[in-house]
Amino acid sequence: MAHEPAEADTAAAEFLTDGPRDSRTVLVLAHGAGAGMDTPFMAHFARELGAGGVRVVRFEFPYMQRRRSDGKRRPPDRMPVLTAAFTDVVAKLRAELRPEALFIGGKSMGGRVASMIADEVQATGAVCLGYPFHPAGRPDSLRTEHLERLRTPTLIVQGTRDPLGSRDEVSRLRLSPAIEIFWCEDGDHDLRPRRASGRTADDNLEAAAARIRGFVAAPTRGGRP
């Protein structure tokens, strides 16, 4: 199936979509706390996965939609608003697209929200791009309670030196067996390595996209096929 470039599904750009329209596999991606759905980071994964035959749909939470309309920066909505918004998007896309497999995920905060609703919405799997295991500089304020009991097969793509959850920190956490962590060597929260590592940002992004393609093709962890 040929890849289709990102396009707005409505005049108000409610969604950005990549990949074949007739794909029976859909991945819904939400943005991080500080930037919208059209960042280069988000666009990279949408484009790469779309080229692999997945229909990738990006959307924005209510606070980001308001920022886009009036240009005023504002903090993220509270978690109940975020989870309700993501759940509504999943229901809408499931009804419209009728996919055989529906994955959800996102960048940082967006991935966190996806992991919080994945069991409830019965997602095929979840993909978290740089999970915020704790706030910056506050390693004791963990955001992992629900990750201990998560049943949905989940792939977390994480930089080994992510300040919101490094490999050393995460190795000490108790996480559900449904979760797989794919480590990007020397990557920060955006998966970017330092020059001295001998790796490039493209190396990590390409490796991450390849692992996600494999996961979407066969989410084997956890109890749900």
C-alpha atoms as a PDB file:
ATOM      1  CA  MET A   1       0.000   0.000   0.000  1.00  0.00           C
ATOM      2  CA  ALA A   2       1.328   3.416  -0.917  1.00  0.00           C
ATOM      3  CA  HIS A   3       2.090   5.956   1.776  1.00  0.00           C
ATOM      4  CA  GLU A   4      -0.036   9.063   1.815  1.00  0.00           C
ATOM      5  CA  PRO A   5       1.375  12.338   3.182  1.00  0.00           C
ATOM      6  CA  ALA A   6      -0.045  13.933   6.287  1.00  0.00           C
ATOM      7  CA  GLU A   7      -3.323  15.687   5.697  1.00  0.00           C
ATOM      8  CA  ALA A   8      -5.942  17.444   7.777  1.00  0.00           C
ATOM      9  CA  ASP A   9      -9.126  15.405   8.121  1.00  0.00           C
ATOM     10  CA  THR A  10     -11.271  18.492   8.707  1.00  0.00           C
ATOM     11  CA  ALA A  11     -11.110  22.171   7.857  1.00  0.00           C
ATOM     12  CA  ALA A  12     -10.294  22.863  11.502  1.00  0.00           C
ATOM     13  CA  ALA A  13      -7.424  20.346  11.367  1.00  0.00           C
ATOM     14  CA  GLU A  14      -8.970  18.226  14.104  1.00  0.00           C
ATOM     15  CA  PHE A  15      -6.727  15.370  13.014  1.00  0.00           C
ATOM     16  CA  LEU A  16      -3.555  14.931  10.997  1.00  0.00           C
ATOM     17  CA  THR A  17      -3.338  11.571   9.255  1.00  0.00           C
ATOM     18  CA  ASP A  18      -0.579   9.596   7.569  1.00  0.00           C
ATOM     19  CA  GLY A  19      -0.583   6.248   5.856  1.00  0.00           C
ATOM     20  CA  PRO A  20      -2.981   4.302   3.653  1.00  0.00           C
ATOM     21  CA  ARG A  21      -6.651   5.151   3.994  1.00  0.00           C
ATOM     22  CA  ASP A  22      -7.602   1.499   3.667  1.00  0.00           C
ATOM     23  CA  SER A  23      -5.231   0.244   6.366  1.00  0.00           C
ATOM     24  CA  ARG A  24      -6.963  -1.930   8.962  1.00  0.00           C
ATOM     25  CA  THR A  25      -4.326  -0.987  11.552  1.00  0.00           C
ATOM     26  CA  VAL A  26      -4.674   2.434  13.160  1.00  0.00           C
ATOM     27  CA  LEU A  27      -2.352   4.181  15.611  1.00  0.00           C
ATOM     28  CA  VAL A  28      -3.711   7.244  17.429  1.00  0.00           C
ATOM     29  CA  LEU A  29      -0.948   9.561  18.672  1.00  0.00           C
ATOM     30  CA  ALA A  30      -1.222  12.410  21.181  1.00  0.00           C
ATOM     31  CA  HIS A  31       1.345  15.179  21.679  1.00  0.00           C
ATOM     32  CA  GLY A  32       3.469  16.078  24.702  1.00  0.00           C
ATOM     33  CA  ALA A  33       2.763  18.787  27.252  1.00  0.00           C
ATOM     34  CA  GLY A  34       4.521  21.693  25.581  1.00  0.00           C
ATOM     35  CA  ALA A  35       4.008  21.312  21.838  1.00  0.00           C
ATOM     36  CA  GLY A  36       1.282  20.243  19.439  1.00  0.00           C
ATOM     37  CA  MET A  37       0.683  17.402  17.040  1.00  0.00           C
ATOM     38  CA  ASP A  38       2.713  18.870  14.176  1.00  0.00           C
ATOM     39  CA  THR A  39       6.215  18.916  15.710  1.00  0.00           C
ATOM     40  CA  PRO A  40       9.069  17.341  13.710  1.00  0.00           C
ATOM     41  CA  PHE A  41       9.255  14.568  16.313  1.00  0.00           C
ATOM     42  CA  MET A  42       5.591  13.663  15.915  1.00  0.00           C
ATOM     43  CA  ALA A  43       5.733  14.054  12.157  1.00  0.00           C
ATOM     44  CA  HIS A  44       8.729  11.720  11.918  1.00  0.00           C
ATOM     45  CA  PHE A  45       6.983   8.809  13.582  1.00  0.00           C
ATOM     46  CA  ALA A  46       3.720   9.432  11.756  1.00  0.00           C
ATOM     47  CA  ARG A  47       5.538   9.487   8.425  1.00  0.00           C
ATOM     48  CA  GLU A  48       7.710   6.427   9.115  1.00  0.00           C
ATOM     49  CA  LEU A  49       4.876   4.297  10.438  1.00  0.00           C
ATOM     50  CA  GLY A  50       2.543   5.497   7.721  1.00  0.00           C
ATOM     51  CA  ALA A  51       5.061   4.411   5.122  1.00  0.00           C
ATOM     52  CA  GLY A  52       4.968   0.974   6.726  1.00  0.00           C
ATOM     53  CA  GLY A  53       1.242   0.612   6.130  1.00  0.00           C
ATOM     54  CA  VAL A  54      -0.186   1.912   9.416  1.00  0.00           C
ATOM     55  CA  ARG A  55      -2.871   4.595   9.407  1.00  0.00           C
ATOM     56  CA  VAL A  56      -1.496   7.129  11.923  1.00  0.00           C
ATOM     57  CA  VAL A  57      -3.885   9.728  13.320  1.00  0.00           C
ATOM     58  CA  ARG A  58      -2.614  12.673  15.379  1.00  0.00           C
ATOM     59  CA  PHE A  59      -4.844  14.896  17.503  1.00  0.00           C
ATOM     60  CA  GLU A  60      -4.585  17.648  20.103  1.00  0.00           C
ATOM     61  CA  PHE A  61      -5.954  17.946  23.621  1.00  0.00           C
ATOM     62  CA  PRO A  62      -8.421  20.782  24.393  1.00  0.00           C
ATOM     63  CA  TYR A  63      -5.830  23.144  25.894  1.00  0.00           C
ATOM     64  CA  MET A  64      -3.613  22.823  22.828  1.00  0.00           C
ATOM     65  CA  GLN A  65      -6.575  23.396  20.533  1.00  0.00           C
ATOM     66  CA  ARG A  66      -7.283  26.633  22.406  1.00  0.00           C
ATOM     67  CA  ARG A  67      -3.644  27.667  22.160  1.00  0.00           C
ATOM     68  CA  ARG A  68      -3.706  27.075  18.413  1.00  0.00           C
ATOM     69  CA  SER A  69      -6.817  29.222  18.026  1.00  0.00           C
ATOM     70  CA  ASP A  70      -5.793  32.181  20.189  1.00  0.00           C
ATOM     71  CA  GLY A  71      -1.997  31.904  20.391  1.00  0.00           C
ATOM     72  CA  LYS A  72      -1.940  31.989  24.195  1.00  0.00           C
ATOM     73  CA  ARG A  73       0.288  29.524  26.007  1.00  0.00           C
ATOM     74  CA  ARG A  74      -1.446  27.635  28.787  1.00  0.00           C
ATOM     75  CA  PRO A  75      -0.670  24.580  30.920  1.00  0.00           C
ATOM     76  CA  PRO A  76      -2.092  21.166  30.093  1.00  0.00           C
ATOM     77  CA  ASP A  77      -5.620  20.314  31.127  1.00  0.00           C
ATOM     78  CA  ARG A  78      -6.046  18.275  34.296  1.00  0.00           C
ATOM     79  CA  MET A  79      -5.742  14.528  33.866  1.00  0.00           C
ATOM     80  CA  PRO A  80      -9.514  13.783  33.903  1.00  0.00           C
ATOM     81  CA  VAL A  81      -9.935  16.186  30.967  1.00  0.00           C
ATOM     82  CA  LEU A  82      -7.003  14.635  29.111  1.00  0.00           C
ATOM     83  CA  THR A  83      -8.198  11.064  29.585  1.00  0.00           C
ATOM     84  CA  ALA A  84     -11.763  11.979  28.610  1.00  0.00           C
ATOM     85  CA  ALA A  85     -10.551  13.741  25.461  1.00  0.00           C
ATOM     86  CA  PHE A  86      -8.377  10.789  24.407  1.00  0.00           C
ATOM     87  CA  THR A  87     -11.193   8.330  25.126  1.00  0.00           C
ATOM     88  CA  ASP A  88     -13.584  10.385  22.995  1.00  0.00           C
ATOM     89  CA  VAL A  89     -11.118  10.451  20.101  1.00  0.00           C
ATOM     90  CA  VAL A  90     -10.663   6.687  20.286  1.00  0.00           C
ATOM     91  CA  ALA A  91     -14.428   6.131  20.230  1.00  0.00           C
ATOM     92  CA  LYS A  92     -14.868   8.475  17.274  1.00  0.00           C
ATOM     93  CA  LEU A  93     -12.089   6.935  15.204  1.00  0.00           C
ATOM     94  CA  ARG A  94     -13.137   3.401  16.045  1.00  0.00           C
ATOM     95  CA  ALA A  95     -16.643   4.167  14.797  1.00  0.00           C
ATOM     96  CA  GLU A  96     -15.453   5.960  11.657  1.00  0.00           C
ATOM     97  CA  LEU A  97     -12.501   3.814  10.605  1.00  0.00           C
ATOM     98  CA  ARG A  98     -13.549   0.418  12.022  1.00  0.00           C
ATOM     99  CA  PRO A  99      -9.973  -0.851  12.328  1.00  0.00           C
ATOM    100  CA  GLU A 100      -9.098  -4.459  12.972  1.00  0.00           C
ATOM    101  CA  ALA A 101      -6.288  -3.300  15.273  1.00  0.00           C
ATOM    102  CA  LEU A 102      -6.334   0.008  17.130  1.00  0.00           C
ATOM    103  CA  PHE A 103      -3.185   1.178  18.913  1.00  0.00           C
ATOM    104  CA  ILE A 104      -2.926   4.331  21.012  1.00  0.00           C
ATOM    105  CA  GLY A 105       0.077   6.290  22.220  1.00  0.00           C
ATOM    106  CA  GLY A 106       1.931   9.536  22.155  1.00  0.00           C
ATOM    107  CA  LYS A 107       4.879  11.677  23.088  1.00  0.00           C
ATOM    108  CA  SER A 108       5.655  11.996  26.806  1.00  0.00           C
ATOM    109  CA  MET A 109       2.414  13.224  28.413  1.00  0.00           C
ATOM    110  CA  GLY A 110       0.404  11.918  25.464  1.00  0.00           C
ATOM    111  CA  GLY A 111       1.869   8.453  25.958  1.00  0.00           C
ATOM    112  CA  ARG A 112       1.164   8.632  29.677  1.00  0.00           C
ATOM    113  CA  VAL A 113      -2.488   9.437  29.027  1.00  0.00           C
ATOM    114  CA  ALA A 114      -2.680   6.606  26.485  1.00  0.00           C
ATOM    115  CA  SER A 115      -1.306   4.137  29.018  1.00  0.00           C
ATOM    116  CA  MET A 116      -3.915   5.274  31.537  1.00  0.00           C
ATOM    117  CA  ILE A 117      -6.873   4.533  29.254  1.00  0.00           C
ATOM    118  CA  ALA A 118      -5.495   1.599  27.252  1.00  0.00           C
ATOM    119  CA  ASP A 119      -7.193  -1.123  29.294  1.00  0.00           C
ATOM    120  CA  GLU A 120     -10.479   0.785  29.509  1.00  0.00           C
ATOM    121  CA  VAL A 121     -10.779   1.372  25.756  1.00  0.00           C
ATOM    122  CA  GLN A 122      -9.503  -2.129  24.984  1.00  0.00           C
ATOM    123  CA  ALA A 123      -6.708  -0.932  22.739  1.00  0.00           C
ATOM    124  CA  THR A 124      -4.762  -3.556  20.832  1.00  0.00           C
ATOM    125  CA  GLY A 125      -1.593  -2.012  22.210  1.00  0.00           C
ATOM    126  CA  ALA A 126      -0.025   1.219  23.437  1.00  0.00           C
ATOM    127  CA  VAL A 127       3.123   3.049  22.301  1.00  0.00           C
ATOM    128  CA  CYS A 128       4.795   5.596  24.597  1.00  0.00           C
ATOM    129  CA  LEU A 129       7.495   7.816  23.107  1.00  0.00           C
ATOM    130  CA  GLY A 130       9.608   9.007  26.037  1.00  0.00           C
ATOM    131  CA  TYR A 131       7.503   8.106  29.060  1.00  0.00           C
ATOM    132  CA  PRO A 132       7.576  10.698  31.895  1.00  0.00           C
ATOM    133  CA  PHE A 133       8.192   8.298  34.778  1.00  0.00           C
ATOM    134  CA  HIS A 134       8.588  11.321  37.062  1.00  0.00           C
ATOM    135  CA  PRO A 135       8.734  15.122  36.733  1.00  0.00           C
ATOM    136  CA  ALA A 136      12.108  16.664  35.910  1.00  0.00           C
ATOM    137  CA  GLY A 137      14.274  16.840  39.023  1.00  0.00           C
ATOM    138  CA  ARG A 138      11.751  14.925  41.163  1.00  0.00           C
ATOM    139  CA  PRO A 139      12.630  11.236  40.854  1.00  0.00           C
ATOM    140  CA  ASP A 140      10.614  10.362  43.966  1.00  0.00           C
ATOM    141  CA  SER A 141       7.346  11.630  42.435  1.00  0.00           C
ATOM    142  CA  LEU A 142       6.638   8.558  40.352  1.00  0.00           C
ATOM    143  CA  ARG A 143       3.894   8.311  37.738  1.00  0.00           C
ATOM    144  CA  THR A 144       3.912   4.542  37.577  1.00  0.00           C
ATOM    145  CA  GLU A 145       1.190   3.152  39.832  1.00  0.00           C
ATOM    146  CA  HIS A 146      -1.053   2.209  36.920  1.00  0.00           C
ATOM    147  CA  LEU A 147       1.898   0.736  35.028  1.00  0.00           C
ATOM    148  CA  GLU A 148       2.175  -1.987  37.645  1.00  0.00           C
ATOM    149  CA  ARG A 149      -1.228  -3.437  36.706  1.00  0.00           C
ATOM    150  CA  LEU A 150      -1.453  -2.517  32.998  1.00  0.00           C
ATOM    151  CA  ARG A 151      -2.790  -5.417  30.909  1.00  0.00           C
ATOM    152  CA  THR A 152      -2.573  -3.928  27.410  1.00  0.00           C
ATOM    153  CA  PRO A 153       0.634  -4.831  25.506  1.00  0.00           C
ATOM    154  CA  THR A 154       2.689  -1.644  25.734  1.00  0.00           C
ATOM    155  CA  LEU A 155       5.929  -0.523  24.132  1.00  0.00           C
ATOM    156  CA  ILE A 156       7.821   2.299  25.839  1.00  0.00           C
ATOM    157  CA  VAL A 157      10.562   3.858  23.717  1.00  0.00           C
ATOM    158  CA  GLN A 158      12.971   5.554  26.107  1.00  0.00           C
ATOM    159  CA  GLY A 159      16.359   7.282  25.971  1.00  0.00           C
ATOM    160  CA  THR A 160      18.883   5.716  28.335  1.00  0.00           C
ATOM    161  CA  ARG A 161      19.649   9.124  29.878  1.00  0.00           C
ATOM    162  CA  ASP A 162      16.110  10.536  29.798  1.00  0.00           C
ATOM    163  CA  PRO A 163      15.866  13.011  32.715  1.00  0.00           C
ATOM    164  CA  LEU A 164      12.273  11.867  33.255  1.00  0.00           C
ATOM    165  CA  GLY A 165      13.299   8.239  33.585  1.00  0.00           C
ATOM    166  CA  SER A 166      16.791   6.958  32.812  1.00  0.00           C
ATOM    167  CA  ARG A 167      17.672   3.305  32.346  1.00  0.00           C
ATOM    168  CA  ASP A 168      19.180   3.144  35.841  1.00  0.00           C
ATOM    169  CA  GLU A 169      16.049   4.649  37.394  1.00  0.00           C
ATOM    170  CA  VAL A 170      13.584   2.540  35.445  1.00  0.00           C
ATOM    171  CA  SER A 171      15.485  -0.678  36.161  1.00  0.00           C
ATOM    172  CA  ARG A 172      14.494  -0.304  39.823  1.00  0.00           C
ATOM    173  CA  LEU A 173      10.764   0.087  39.142  1.00  0.00           C
ATOM    174  CA  ARG A 174       8.092  -2.580  39.308  1.00  0.00           C
ATOM    175  CA  LEU A 175       6.262  -2.639  35.988  1.00  0.00           C
ATOM    176  CA  SER A 176       3.642  -4.903  34.470  1.00  0.00           C
ATOM    177  CA  PRO A 177       4.907  -7.842  32.381  1.00  0.00           C
ATOM    178  CA  ALA A 178       2.748  -6.398  29.577  1.00  0.00           C
ATOM    179  CA  ILE A 179       5.313  -3.605  29.183  1.00  0.00           C
ATOM    180  CA  GLU A 180       8.377  -3.756  26.964  1.00  0.00           C
ATOM    181  CA  ILE A 181      10.966  -0.983  27.069  1.00  0.00           C
ATOM    182  CA  PHE A 182      13.037  -0.303  23.978  1.00  0.00           C
ATOM    183  CA  TRP A 183      16.136   1.678  24.942  1.00  0.00           C
ATOM    184  CA  CYS A 184      17.660   4.269  22.615  1.00  0.00           C
ATOM    185  CA  GLU A 185      21.319   4.496  23.501  1.00  0.00           C
ATOM    186  CA  ASP A 186      22.404   7.795  25.065  1.00  0.00           C
ATOM    187  CA  GLY A 187      19.034   9.318  24.172  1.00  0.00           C
ATOM    188  CA  ASP A 188      17.449  12.198  26.074  1.00  0.00           C
ATOM    189  CA  HIS A 189      13.701  12.792  26.433  1.00  0.00           C
ATOM    190  CA  ASP A 190      13.517  13.387  22.668  1.00  0.00           C
ATOM    191  CA  LEU A 191      15.726  10.321  22.070  1.00  0.00           C
ATOM    192  CA  ARG A 192      18.641  12.546  20.983  1.00  0.00           C
ATOM    193  CA  PRO A 193      22.134  11.264  21.851  1.00  0.00           C
ATOM    194  CA  ARG A 194      25.180  13.364  22.600  1.00  0.00           C
ATOM    195  CA  ARG A 195      27.688  13.821  19.796  1.00  0.00           C
ATOM    196  CA  ALA A 196      30.378  12.087  21.853  1.00  0.00           C
ATOM    197  CA  SER A 197      28.288   8.910  21.899  1.00  0.00           C
ATOM    198  CA  GLY A 198      29.047   8.266  18.245  1.00  0.00           C
ATOM    199  CA  ARG A 199      25.331   8.058  17.485  1.00  0.00           C
ATOM    200  CA  THR A 200      23.032  10.555  15.795  1.00  0.00           C
ATOM    201  CA  ALA A 201      19.446  11.546  16.416  1.00  0.00           C
ATOM    202  CA  ASP A 202      18.526   9.849  13.149  1.00  0.00           C
ATOM    203  CA  ASP A 203      20.104   6.602  14.375  1.00  0.00           C
ATOM    204  CA  ASN A 204      17.858   6.550  17.427  1.00  0.00           C
ATOM    205  CA  LEU A 205      14.736   7.719  15.635  1.00  0.00           C
ATOM    206  CA  GLU A 206      15.134   5.132  12.903  1.00  0.00           C
ATOM    207  CA  ALA A 207      15.776   2.348  15.418  1.00  0.00           C
ATOM    208  CA  ALA A 208      12.724   3.422  17.415  1.00  0.00           C
ATOM    209  CA  ALA A 209      10.484   3.517  14.341  1.00  0.00           C
ATOM    210  CA  ALA A 210      11.659   0.066  13.298  1.00  0.00           C
ATOM    211  CA  ARG A 211      10.860  -1.386  16.729  1.00  0.00           C
ATOM    212  CA  ILE A 212       7.420   0.256  16.741  1.00  0.00           C
ATOM    213  CA  ARG A 213       6.669  -1.212  13.308  1.00  0.00           C
ATOM    214  CA  GLY A 214       7.510  -4.651  14.662  1.00  0.00           C
ATOM    215  CA  PHE A 215       5.412  -4.111  17.774  1.00  0.00           C
ATOM    216  CA  VAL A 216       2.388  -2.934  15.812  1.00  0.00           C
ATOM    217  CA  ALA A 217       2.707  -5.948  13.562  1.00  0.00           C
ATOM    218  CA  ALA A 218       2.817  -8.372  16.528  1.00  0.00           C
ATOM    219  CA  PRO A 219       2.123  -7.000  20.015  1.00  0.00           C
ATOM    220  CA  THR A 220       3.063 -10.185  21.852  1.00  0.00           C
ATOM    221  CA  ARG A 221       3.426  -9.001  25.455  1.00  0.00           C
ATOM    222  CA  GLY A 222       0.609  -9.117  27.974  1.00  0.00           C
ATOM    223  CA  GLY A 223      -2.649 -10.969  27.723  1.00  0.00           C
ATOM    224  CA  ARG A 224      -4.453  -9.359  24.780  1.00  0.00           C
ATOM    225  CA  PRO A 225      -3.692 -10.521  21.197  1.00  0.00           C
END
